[in-house]
Amino acid sequence: MAPLPDGFSYAEWNATYNGLSFGIAAMGSATIFFWLQLPNVTKSYRTALTITGIVTLIATYHYIRIFNSWSEAFTVASKDGGDYHVKLTGAPFNDGYRYVDWLLTVPLLLIELILVMKLPQEETVSLSWKLGLASALMVALGYPGEIQEDLSVRWFWWCLSMIPFCYVVFTLAVGLAESTSKQPSPAAASLVSAARYLTVLSWCTYPFVYMVKSVGLAGPAATMYEQVGYSIADVMAKAVFGVLIWAIASEKSAVEESGKLLPN
C-alpha cells in the first residue's frame, strides 16, 4: 500500500474509475455465465467450468474492494458548475488486493486449463502442482517490488518474478503442444491452442504494466496507466480466457455425446 501522488486531473481519476468499473462488470457477468452453463457440459468438464467461475467470482470481489478504496481516496467536486476538481482525502488506496487476487486465481487459471484438456491423471496432477506453485511464486516475488519507490529494488524483484514467469510461459507455449494435438477434434485442439496462447499474450502484459513506474513515468499518469493496464489484462486473462474454457468444454462434451471421441 503506497501513498497516492497528488495532482490527479479529473480525466486521470475518471479513466481509473472507469477501468475498475469495467473490471467489476466483466468479472461479475462472466461468473454468472459460467455457472449457468454448468448443466450444458458433461460431468467430466464441470469441475473446470466451476473453477472458472470461482476465479471470476474472486476477481469480482477484489475489484469491488479496489474500486471502493479508489473512491474513498478522493473527493471529486465541481464549484459553481465549472470543471471537476480531484483532491486526495488522505484515506489510503489499497491496491494490494490485486496481489491477494492473483495469488488465489492465477494458479487456478492454469489448473482449469489442464483439467479441461483431460490429460492422463498422472500428467494432470504433475502439471497442476508444477504450474500452480510456479505461478504462485511469481506473484509472491512480484509484490515486494510493487510497493517500492526505489527503482533498483523494483527491478530486482521484477527479475526474480520473471524466472517462474518464463517457466510457466514456456510450458504453455511449448510443453503442452503435443498434448494439444491429441484433443478429440480439430475444433477442440484449435480452442485449446487459443486458450494457451491467450494466456501467454495476456500474461506478457503484466510485466510491462509492472515496469510503468520504472521507465520514467511517475505521478498520477503512472498510477492511471498501471491501474487501467492491470484491469484490461485481468479481464483478458480471466473473463475472456474463461469463455475459451467454456467453449472447449462445450465442444468436447458434444464430441463425446455424439460418440465421435477419437481413440488415444
C-alpha atoms as a PDB file:
ATOM      1  CA  MET A   1       0.000   0.000   0.000  1.00  0.00           C
ATOM      2  CA  ALA A   2       1.911   3.037  -1.295  1.00  0.00           C
ATOM      3  CA  PRO A   3       0.688   6.637  -0.870  1.00  0.00           C
ATOM      4  CA  LEU A   4      -1.056   8.120  -3.895  1.00  0.00           C
ATOM      5  CA  PRO A   5       0.594  11.070  -5.635  1.00  0.00           C
ATOM      6  CA  ASP A   6      -1.218  14.396  -5.521  1.00  0.00           C
ATOM      7  CA  GLY A   7      -2.323  16.348  -8.576  1.00  0.00           C
ATOM      8  CA  PHE A   8      -4.715  13.969 -10.345  1.00  0.00           C
ATOM      9  CA  SER A   9      -6.685  15.571 -13.145  1.00  0.00           C
ATOM     10  CA  TYR A  10     -10.335  14.627 -13.496  1.00  0.00           C
ATOM     11  CA  ALA A  11      -9.518  12.743 -16.727  1.00  0.00           C
ATOM     12  CA  GLU A  12      -6.862  10.616 -14.978  1.00  0.00           C
ATOM     13  CA  TRP A  13      -9.104   9.906 -11.997  1.00  0.00           C
ATOM     14  CA  ASN A  14     -12.079   9.099 -14.229  1.00  0.00           C
ATOM     15  CA  ALA A  15     -10.087   6.768 -16.509  1.00  0.00           C
ATOM     16  CA  THR A  16      -9.023   4.722 -13.493  1.00  0.00           C
ATOM     17  CA  TYR A  17     -12.551   4.813 -12.042  1.00  0.00           C
ATOM     18  CA  ASN A  18     -13.999   3.505 -15.327  1.00  0.00           C
ATOM     19  CA  GLY A  19     -11.266   0.898 -15.690  1.00  0.00           C
ATOM     20  CA  LEU A  20     -12.078  -0.550 -12.280  1.00  0.00           C
ATOM     21  CA  SER A  21     -15.822  -0.401 -13.036  1.00  0.00           C
ATOM     22  CA  PHE A  22     -15.157  -2.318 -16.259  1.00  0.00           C
ATOM     23  CA  GLY A  23     -13.327  -4.985 -14.246  1.00  0.00           C
ATOM     24  CA  ILE A  24     -16.269  -5.430 -11.874  1.00  0.00           C
ATOM     25  CA  ALA A  25     -18.830  -5.645 -14.692  1.00  0.00           C
ATOM     26  CA  ALA A  26     -16.792  -8.060 -16.821  1.00  0.00           C
ATOM     27  CA  MET A  27     -15.854 -10.408 -13.985  1.00  0.00           C
ATOM     28  CA  GLY A  28     -19.329 -10.419 -12.447  1.00  0.00           C
ATOM     29  CA  SER A  29     -21.067 -11.095 -15.763  1.00  0.00           C
ATOM     30  CA  ALA A  30     -18.592 -13.847 -16.612  1.00  0.00           C
ATOM     31  CA  THR A  31     -19.196 -15.580 -13.262  1.00  0.00           C
ATOM     32  CA  ILE A  32     -22.962 -15.733 -13.860  1.00  0.00           C
ATOM     33  CA  PHE A  33     -22.468 -17.003 -17.418  1.00  0.00           C
ATOM     34  CA  PHE A  34     -20.029 -19.784 -16.477  1.00  0.00           C
ATOM     35  CA  TRP A  35     -22.171 -21.183 -13.699  1.00  0.00           C
ATOM     36  CA  LEU A  36     -25.342 -21.052 -15.806  1.00  0.00           C
ATOM     37  CA  GLN A  37     -23.520 -23.155 -18.406  1.00  0.00           C
ATOM     38  CA  LEU A  38     -22.633 -25.974 -15.995  1.00  0.00           C
ATOM     39  CA  PRO A  39     -25.637 -28.179 -16.934  1.00  0.00           C
ATOM     40  CA  ASN A  40     -24.735 -27.829 -20.621  1.00  0.00           C
ATOM     41  CA  VAL A  41     -21.396 -29.658 -20.389  1.00  0.00           C
ATOM     42  CA  THR A  42     -20.731 -33.276 -19.446  1.00  0.00           C
ATOM     43  CA  LYS A  43     -19.815 -34.189 -15.870  1.00  0.00           C
ATOM     44  CA  SER A  44     -16.101 -34.603 -16.605  1.00  0.00           C
ATOM     45  CA  TYR A  45     -15.747 -30.902 -17.539  1.00  0.00           C
ATOM     46  CA  ARG A  46     -17.906 -29.357 -14.820  1.00  0.00           C
ATOM     47  CA  THR A  47     -15.010 -29.079 -12.364  1.00  0.00           C
ATOM     48  CA  ALA A  48     -13.013 -26.973 -14.821  1.00  0.00           C
ATOM     49  CA  LEU A  49     -16.003 -24.731 -15.524  1.00  0.00           C
ATOM     50  CA  THR A  50     -16.777 -24.414 -11.809  1.00  0.00           C
ATOM     51  CA  ILE A  51     -13.193 -23.318 -11.145  1.00  0.00           C
ATOM     52  CA  THR A  52     -13.517 -20.809 -13.979  1.00  0.00           C
ATOM     53  CA  GLY A  53     -16.500 -19.259 -12.227  1.00  0.00           C
ATOM     54  CA  ILE A  54     -14.675 -19.257  -8.889  1.00  0.00           C
ATOM     55  CA  VAL A  55     -11.770 -17.380 -10.494  1.00  0.00           C
ATOM     56  CA  THR A  56     -14.010 -14.623 -11.837  1.00  0.00           C
ATOM     57  CA  LEU A  57     -16.002 -14.505  -8.579  1.00  0.00           C
ATOM     58  CA  ILE A  58     -12.811 -13.945  -6.577  1.00  0.00           C
ATOM     59  CA  ALA A  59     -11.769 -11.288  -9.090  1.00  0.00           C
ATOM     60  CA  THR A  60     -15.171  -9.575  -8.834  1.00  0.00           C
ATOM     61  CA  TYR A  61     -14.863  -9.353  -5.052  1.00  0.00           C
ATOM     62  CA  HIS A  62     -11.372  -7.878  -5.175  1.00  0.00           C
ATOM     63  CA  TYR A  63     -12.290  -5.421  -7.929  1.00  0.00           C
ATOM     64  CA  ILE A  64     -15.135  -4.156  -5.757  1.00  0.00           C
ATOM     65  CA  ARG A  65     -12.678  -3.679  -2.885  1.00  0.00           C
ATOM     66  CA  ILE A  66     -10.177  -1.849  -5.112  1.00  0.00           C
ATOM     67  CA  PHE A  67     -12.947   0.298  -6.603  1.00  0.00           C
ATOM     68  CA  ASN A  68     -14.239   1.261  -3.148  1.00  0.00           C
ATOM     69  CA  SER A  69     -10.727   2.029  -1.951  1.00  0.00           C
ATOM     70  CA  TRP A  70     -10.150   4.253  -5.004  1.00  0.00           C
ATOM     71  CA  SER A  71     -13.422   6.104  -4.478  1.00  0.00           C
ATOM     72  CA  GLU A  72     -12.682   6.687  -0.777  1.00  0.00           C
ATOM     73  CA  ALA A  73      -9.214   8.069  -1.527  1.00  0.00           C
ATOM     74  CA  PHE A  74     -10.592  11.095  -3.434  1.00  0.00           C
ATOM     75  CA  THR A  75     -13.199  13.783  -3.380  1.00  0.00           C
ATOM     76  CA  VAL A  76     -14.441  14.954  -6.764  1.00  0.00           C
ATOM     77  CA  ALA A  77     -16.371  18.220  -6.838  1.00  0.00           C
ATOM     78  CA  SER A  78     -17.411  20.963  -9.231  1.00  0.00           C
ATOM     79  CA  LYS A  79     -17.691  24.529  -7.949  1.00  0.00           C
ATOM     80  CA  ASP A  80     -20.468  26.649  -9.471  1.00  0.00           C
ATOM     81  CA  GLY A  81     -20.914  24.231 -12.369  1.00  0.00           C
ATOM     82  CA  GLY A  82     -17.300  24.557 -13.512  1.00  0.00           C
ATOM     83  CA  ASP A  83     -14.640  21.905 -14.124  1.00  0.00           C
ATOM     84  CA  TYR A  84     -14.382  18.972 -11.742  1.00  0.00           C
ATOM     85  CA  HIS A  85     -11.513  19.099  -9.252  1.00  0.00           C
ATOM     86  CA  VAL A  86      -9.953  16.000  -7.728  1.00  0.00           C
ATOM     87  CA  LYS A  87      -8.410  16.045  -4.248  1.00  0.00           C
ATOM     88  CA  LEU A  88      -6.958  13.351  -2.021  1.00  0.00           C
ATOM     89  CA  THR A  89      -8.956  12.649   1.131  1.00  0.00           C
ATOM     90  CA  GLY A  90      -5.998  11.160   2.996  1.00  0.00           C
ATOM     91  CA  ALA A  91      -7.589   7.709   3.036  1.00  0.00           C
ATOM     92  CA  PRO A  92      -5.142   5.040   1.818  1.00  0.00           C
ATOM     93  CA  PHE A  93      -5.611   3.397  -1.564  1.00  0.00           C
ATOM     94  CA  ASN A  94      -5.026  -0.322  -1.163  1.00  0.00           C
ATOM     95  CA  ASP A  95      -4.323  -1.977  -4.493  1.00  0.00           C
ATOM     96  CA  GLY A  96      -2.637  -4.818  -2.624  1.00  0.00           C
ATOM     97  CA  TYR A  97      -5.993  -6.524  -3.162  1.00  0.00           C
ATOM     98  CA  ARG A  98      -4.713  -7.278  -6.675  1.00  0.00           C
ATOM     99  CA  TYR A  99      -1.923  -9.453  -5.326  1.00  0.00           C
ATOM    100  CA  VAL A 100      -4.264 -11.314  -2.981  1.00  0.00           C
ATOM    101  CA  ASP A 101      -6.497 -11.909  -6.014  1.00  0.00           C
ATOM    102  CA  TRP A 102      -3.629 -13.064  -8.218  1.00  0.00           C
ATOM    103  CA  LEU A 103      -2.214 -15.365  -5.540  1.00  0.00           C
ATOM    104  CA  LEU A 104      -5.567 -17.177  -5.456  1.00  0.00           C
ATOM    105  CA  THR A 105      -6.659 -17.009  -9.084  1.00  0.00           C
ATOM    106  CA  VAL A 106      -3.509 -17.382 -11.185  1.00  0.00           C
ATOM    107  CA  PRO A 107      -2.787 -20.986 -10.099  1.00  0.00           C
ATOM    108  CA  LEU A 108      -6.493 -21.816 -10.568  1.00  0.00           C
ATOM    109  CA  LEU A 109      -6.408 -20.412 -14.115  1.00  0.00           C
ATOM    110  CA  LEU A 110      -3.687 -22.841 -15.081  1.00  0.00           C
ATOM    111  CA  ILE A 111      -5.341 -25.763 -13.295  1.00  0.00           C
ATOM    112  CA  GLU A 112      -8.653 -25.200 -15.097  1.00  0.00           C
ATOM    113  CA  LEU A 113      -6.849 -25.302 -18.461  1.00  0.00           C
ATOM    114  CA  ILE A 114      -5.118 -28.561 -17.540  1.00  0.00           C
ATOM    115  CA  LEU A 115      -8.403 -30.086 -16.321  1.00  0.00           C
ATOM    116  CA  VAL A 116     -10.339 -29.174 -19.454  1.00  0.00           C
ATOM    117  CA  MET A 117      -7.590 -30.703 -21.626  1.00  0.00           C
ATOM    118  CA  LYS A 118      -8.386 -34.044 -19.924  1.00  0.00           C
ATOM    119  CA  LEU A 119      -4.821 -35.315 -19.865  1.00  0.00           C
ATOM    120  CA  PRO A 120      -3.809 -38.631 -18.230  1.00  0.00           C
ATOM    121  CA  GLN A 121      -4.257 -38.408 -14.444  1.00  0.00           C
ATOM    122  CA  GLU A 122      -0.548 -38.564 -13.604  1.00  0.00           C
ATOM    123  CA  GLU A 123       0.260 -35.775 -16.062  1.00  0.00           C
ATOM    124  CA  THR A 124      -2.687 -33.696 -14.827  1.00  0.00           C
ATOM    125  CA  VAL A 125      -1.554 -33.899 -11.196  1.00  0.00           C
ATOM    126  CA  SER A 126       2.098 -33.233 -12.053  1.00  0.00           C
ATOM    127  CA  LEU A 127       1.370 -30.215 -14.263  1.00  0.00           C
ATOM    128  CA  SER A 128      -1.149 -28.781 -11.795  1.00  0.00           C
ATOM    129  CA  TRP A 129       1.393 -28.820  -8.981  1.00  0.00           C
ATOM    130  CA  LYS A 130       4.286 -27.512 -11.063  1.00  0.00           C
ATOM    131  CA  LEU A 131       2.413 -24.709 -12.807  1.00  0.00           C
ATOM    132  CA  GLY A 132       0.339 -23.827  -9.738  1.00  0.00           C
ATOM    133  CA  LEU A 133       3.371 -23.459  -7.471  1.00  0.00           C
ATOM    134  CA  ALA A 134       5.425 -21.626 -10.109  1.00  0.00           C
ATOM    135  CA  SER A 135       2.648 -19.115 -10.744  1.00  0.00           C
ATOM    136  CA  ALA A 136       2.089 -18.526  -7.001  1.00  0.00           C
ATOM    137  CA  LEU A 137       5.835 -17.956  -6.571  1.00  0.00           C
ATOM    138  CA  MET A 138       5.785 -15.489  -9.459  1.00  0.00           C
ATOM    139  CA  VAL A 139       3.058 -13.408  -7.770  1.00  0.00           C
ATOM    140  CA  ALA A 140       4.721 -13.585  -4.353  1.00  0.00           C
ATOM    141  CA  LEU A 141       8.050 -12.382  -5.764  1.00  0.00           C
ATOM    142  CA  GLY A 142       6.391  -9.501  -7.623  1.00  0.00           C
ATOM    143  CA  TYR A 143       4.675  -7.944  -4.615  1.00  0.00           C
ATOM    144  CA  PRO A 144       7.755  -6.642  -2.715  1.00  0.00           C
ATOM    145  CA  GLY A 145       8.787  -4.672  -5.815  1.00  0.00           C
ATOM    146  CA  GLU A 146       5.290  -3.323  -6.442  1.00  0.00           C
ATOM    147  CA  ILE A 147       5.237  -1.459  -3.127  1.00  0.00           C
ATOM    148  CA  GLN A 148       8.719   0.046  -3.553  1.00  0.00           C
ATOM    149  CA  GLU A 149       9.523   3.520  -4.829  1.00  0.00           C
ATOM    150  CA  ASP A 150      13.222   2.699  -5.259  1.00  0.00           C
ATOM    151  CA  LEU A 151      13.594   1.742  -8.926  1.00  0.00           C
ATOM    152  CA  SER A 152      16.587  -0.537  -8.361  1.00  0.00           C
ATOM    153  CA  VAL A 153      14.569  -2.553  -5.829  1.00  0.00           C
ATOM    154  CA  ARG A 154      11.604  -2.737  -8.214  1.00  0.00           C
ATOM    155  CA  TRP A 155      13.835  -4.039 -10.997  1.00  0.00           C
ATOM    156  CA  PHE A 156      15.412  -6.632  -8.637  1.00  0.00           C
ATOM    157  CA  TRP A 157      12.057  -8.150  -7.694  1.00  0.00           C
ATOM    158  CA  TRP A 158      10.818  -7.919 -11.295  1.00  0.00           C
ATOM    159  CA  CYS A 159      13.783 -10.003 -12.433  1.00  0.00           C
ATOM    160  CA  LEU A 160      13.200 -12.603  -9.721  1.00  0.00           C
ATOM    161  CA  SER A 161       9.493 -12.924 -10.545  1.00  0.00           C
ATOM    162  CA  MET A 162      10.329 -13.363 -14.225  1.00  0.00           C
ATOM    163  CA  ILE A 163      12.090 -16.681 -13.508  1.00  0.00           C
ATOM    164  CA  PRO A 164       8.914 -18.653 -12.642  1.00  0.00           C
ATOM    165  CA  PHE A 165       7.028 -16.494 -15.186  1.00  0.00           C
ATOM    166  CA  CYS A 166       9.268 -17.713 -18.014  1.00  0.00           C
ATOM    167  CA  TYR A 167       8.911 -21.326 -16.865  1.00  0.00           C
ATOM    168  CA  VAL A 168       5.102 -21.138 -16.966  1.00  0.00           C
ATOM    169  CA  VAL A 169       5.024 -19.335 -20.322  1.00  0.00           C
ATOM    170  CA  PHE A 170       7.454 -21.843 -21.864  1.00  0.00           C
ATOM    171  CA  THR A 171       5.355 -24.760 -20.596  1.00  0.00           C
ATOM    172  CA  LEU A 172       2.171 -23.247 -22.052  1.00  0.00           C
ATOM    173  CA  ALA A 173       3.707 -22.295 -25.395  1.00  0.00           C
ATOM    174  CA  VAL A 174       5.918 -25.338 -25.982  1.00  0.00           C
ATOM    175  CA  GLY A 175       5.445 -28.021 -23.327  1.00  0.00           C
ATOM    176  CA  LEU A 176       1.715 -28.542 -23.938  1.00  0.00           C
ATOM    177  CA  ALA A 177       1.921 -28.522 -27.735  1.00  0.00           C
ATOM    178  CA  GLU A 178       1.911 -32.329 -28.055  1.00  0.00           C
ATOM    179  CA  SER A 179      -0.996 -32.730 -25.634  1.00  0.00           C
ATOM    180  CA  THR A 180      -2.963 -30.129 -27.584  1.00  0.00           C
ATOM    181  CA  SER A 181      -2.640 -32.160 -30.774  1.00  0.00           C
ATOM    182  CA  LYS A 182      -4.268 -35.147 -29.020  1.00  0.00           C
ATOM    183  CA  GLN A 183      -7.573 -33.382 -28.390  1.00  0.00           C
ATOM    184  CA  PRO A 184     -10.650 -35.276 -29.667  1.00  0.00           C
ATOM    185  CA  SER A 185     -11.478 -32.941 -32.544  1.00  0.00           C
ATOM    186  CA  PRO A 186      -9.747 -30.280 -34.650  1.00  0.00           C
ATOM    187  CA  ALA A 187     -12.080 -27.653 -33.176  1.00  0.00           C
ATOM    188  CA  ALA A 188     -11.166 -28.667 -29.619  1.00  0.00           C
ATOM    189  CA  ALA A 189      -7.451 -28.638 -30.450  1.00  0.00           C
ATOM    190  CA  SER A 190      -7.808 -25.182 -32.000  1.00  0.00           C
ATOM    191  CA  LEU A 191      -9.641 -23.860 -28.923  1.00  0.00           C
ATOM    192  CA  VAL A 192      -7.065 -25.317 -26.519  1.00  0.00           C
ATOM    193  CA  SER A 193      -4.325 -23.739 -28.614  1.00  0.00           C
ATOM    194  CA  ALA A 194      -6.139 -20.389 -28.489  1.00  0.00           C
ATOM    195  CA  ALA A 195      -6.509 -20.657 -24.688  1.00  0.00           C
ATOM    196  CA  ARG A 196      -2.800 -21.408 -24.269  1.00  0.00           C
ATOM    197  CA  TYR A 197      -1.694 -18.516 -26.430  1.00  0.00           C
ATOM    198  CA  LEU A 198      -4.235 -16.106 -24.954  1.00  0.00           C
ATOM    199  CA  THR A 199      -2.773 -16.909 -21.542  1.00  0.00           C
ATOM    200  CA  VAL A 200       0.742 -16.247 -22.820  1.00  0.00           C
ATOM    201  CA  LEU A 201      -0.325 -12.997 -24.516  1.00  0.00           C
ATOM    202  CA  SER A 202      -2.301 -11.653 -21.563  1.00  0.00           C
ATOM    203  CA  TRP A 203       0.391 -12.664 -19.093  1.00  0.00           C
ATOM    204  CA  CYS A 204       3.036 -10.826 -21.107  1.00  0.00           C
ATOM    205  CA  THR A 205       1.044  -7.635 -20.499  1.00  0.00           C
ATOM    206  CA  TYR A 206       1.631  -7.773 -16.734  1.00  0.00           C
ATOM    207  CA  PRO A 207       5.447  -7.374 -16.715  1.00  0.00           C
ATOM    208  CA  PHE A 208       5.162  -4.313 -18.973  1.00  0.00           C
ATOM    209  CA  VAL A 209       2.490  -2.706 -16.790  1.00  0.00           C
ATOM    210  CA  TYR A 210       4.653  -3.511 -13.753  1.00  0.00           C
ATOM    211  CA  MET A 211       7.507  -1.581 -15.382  1.00  0.00           C
ATOM    212  CA  VAL A 212       5.450   1.583 -15.952  1.00  0.00           C
ATOM    213  CA  LYS A 213       6.883   3.201 -12.827  1.00  0.00           C
ATOM    214  CA  SER A 214      10.381   2.029 -13.710  1.00  0.00           C
ATOM    215  CA  VAL A 215      10.756   3.666 -17.126  1.00  0.00           C
ATOM    216  CA  GLY A 216      10.452   7.352 -16.342  1.00  0.00           C
ATOM    217  CA  LEU A 217       6.707   7.648 -15.748  1.00  0.00           C
ATOM    218  CA  ALA A 218       5.659   8.910 -12.331  1.00  0.00           C
ATOM    219  CA  GLY A 219       2.850  10.644 -10.504  1.00  0.00           C
ATOM    220  CA  PRO A 220      -0.841  10.425 -11.412  1.00  0.00           C
ATOM    221  CA  ALA A 221      -0.220   9.379 -15.042  1.00  0.00           C
ATOM    222  CA  ALA A 222       1.813   6.330 -13.972  1.00  0.00           C
ATOM    223  CA  THR A 223      -0.854   5.313 -11.461  1.00  0.00           C
ATOM    224  CA  MET A 224      -3.590   5.653 -14.092  1.00  0.00           C
ATOM    225  CA  TYR A 225      -1.710   3.581 -16.697  1.00  0.00           C
ATOM    226  CA  GLU A 226      -0.919   0.931 -14.108  1.00  0.00           C
ATOM    227  CA  GLN A 227      -4.489   0.548 -12.840  1.00  0.00           C
ATOM    228  CA  VAL A 228      -6.104   0.614 -16.294  1.00  0.00           C
ATOM    229  CA  GLY A 229      -3.436  -1.714 -17.726  1.00  0.00           C
ATOM    230  CA  TYR A 230      -3.906  -4.284 -14.982  1.00  0.00           C
ATOM    231  CA  SER A 231      -7.701  -4.103 -15.358  1.00  0.00           C
ATOM    232  CA  ILE A 232      -7.559  -4.834 -19.094  1.00  0.00           C
ATOM    233  CA  ALA A 233      -5.028  -7.646 -18.607  1.00  0.00           C
ATOM    234  CA  ASP A 234      -7.156  -9.212 -15.855  1.00  0.00           C
ATOM    235  CA  VAL A 235     -10.294  -9.239 -17.996  1.00  0.00           C
ATOM    236  CA  MET A 236      -8.376 -10.896 -20.840  1.00  0.00           C
ATOM    237  CA  ALA A 237      -6.668 -13.433 -18.566  1.00  0.00           C
ATOM    238  CA  LYS A 238      -9.806 -14.384 -16.594  1.00  0.00           C
ATOM    239  CA  ALA A 239     -13.102 -13.498 -18.259  1.00  0.00           C
ATOM    240  CA  VAL A 240     -12.074 -13.949 -21.916  1.00  0.00           C
ATOM    241  CA  PHE A 241      -9.893 -16.943 -21.066  1.00  0.00           C
ATOM    242  CA  GLY A 242     -12.845 -18.419 -19.174  1.00  0.00           C
ATOM    243  CA  VAL A 243     -15.036 -18.134 -22.260  1.00  0.00           C
ATOM    244  CA  LEU A 244     -12.467 -20.245 -24.115  1.00  0.00           C
ATOM    245  CA  ILE A 245     -12.505 -22.825 -21.288  1.00  0.00           C
ATOM    246  CA  TRP A 246     -16.304 -22.980 -21.619  1.00  0.00           C
ATOM    247  CA  ALA A 247     -16.024 -23.323 -25.413  1.00  0.00           C
ATOM    248  CA  ILE A 248     -13.523 -26.191 -25.047  1.00  0.00           C
ATOM    249  CA  ALA A 249     -15.739 -27.957 -22.516  1.00  0.00           C
ATOM    250  CA  SER A 250     -18.781 -27.471 -24.732  1.00  0.00           C
ATOM    251  CA  GLU A 251     -17.046 -28.750 -27.868  1.00  0.00           C
ATOM    252  CA  LYS A 252     -15.567 -31.809 -26.152  1.00  0.00           C
ATOM    253  CA  SER A 253     -18.905 -32.580 -24.480  1.00  0.00           C
ATOM    254  CA  ALA A 254     -20.618 -32.512 -27.881  1.00  0.00           C
ATOM    255  CA  VAL A 255     -17.972 -34.819 -29.370  1.00  0.00           C
ATOM    256  CA  GLU A 256     -18.235 -37.301 -26.519  1.00  0.00           C
ATOM    257  CA  GLU A 257     -22.030 -37.310 -26.540  1.00  0.00           C
ATOM    258  CA  SER A 258     -22.116 -37.935 -30.267  1.00  0.00           C
ATOM    259  CA  GLY A 259     -19.831 -40.926 -29.916  1.00  0.00           C
ATOM    260  CA  LYS A 260     -17.103 -39.410 -32.083  1.00  0.00           C
ATOM    261  CA  LEU A 261     -14.370 -39.379 -29.477  1.00  0.00           C
ATOM    262  CA  LEU A 262     -11.160 -40.477 -31.167  1.00  0.00           C
ATOM    263  CA  PRO A 263      -9.074 -43.242 -29.538  1.00  0.00           C
ATOM    264  CA  ASN A 264      -5.788 -42.182 -27.919  1.00  0.00           C
END
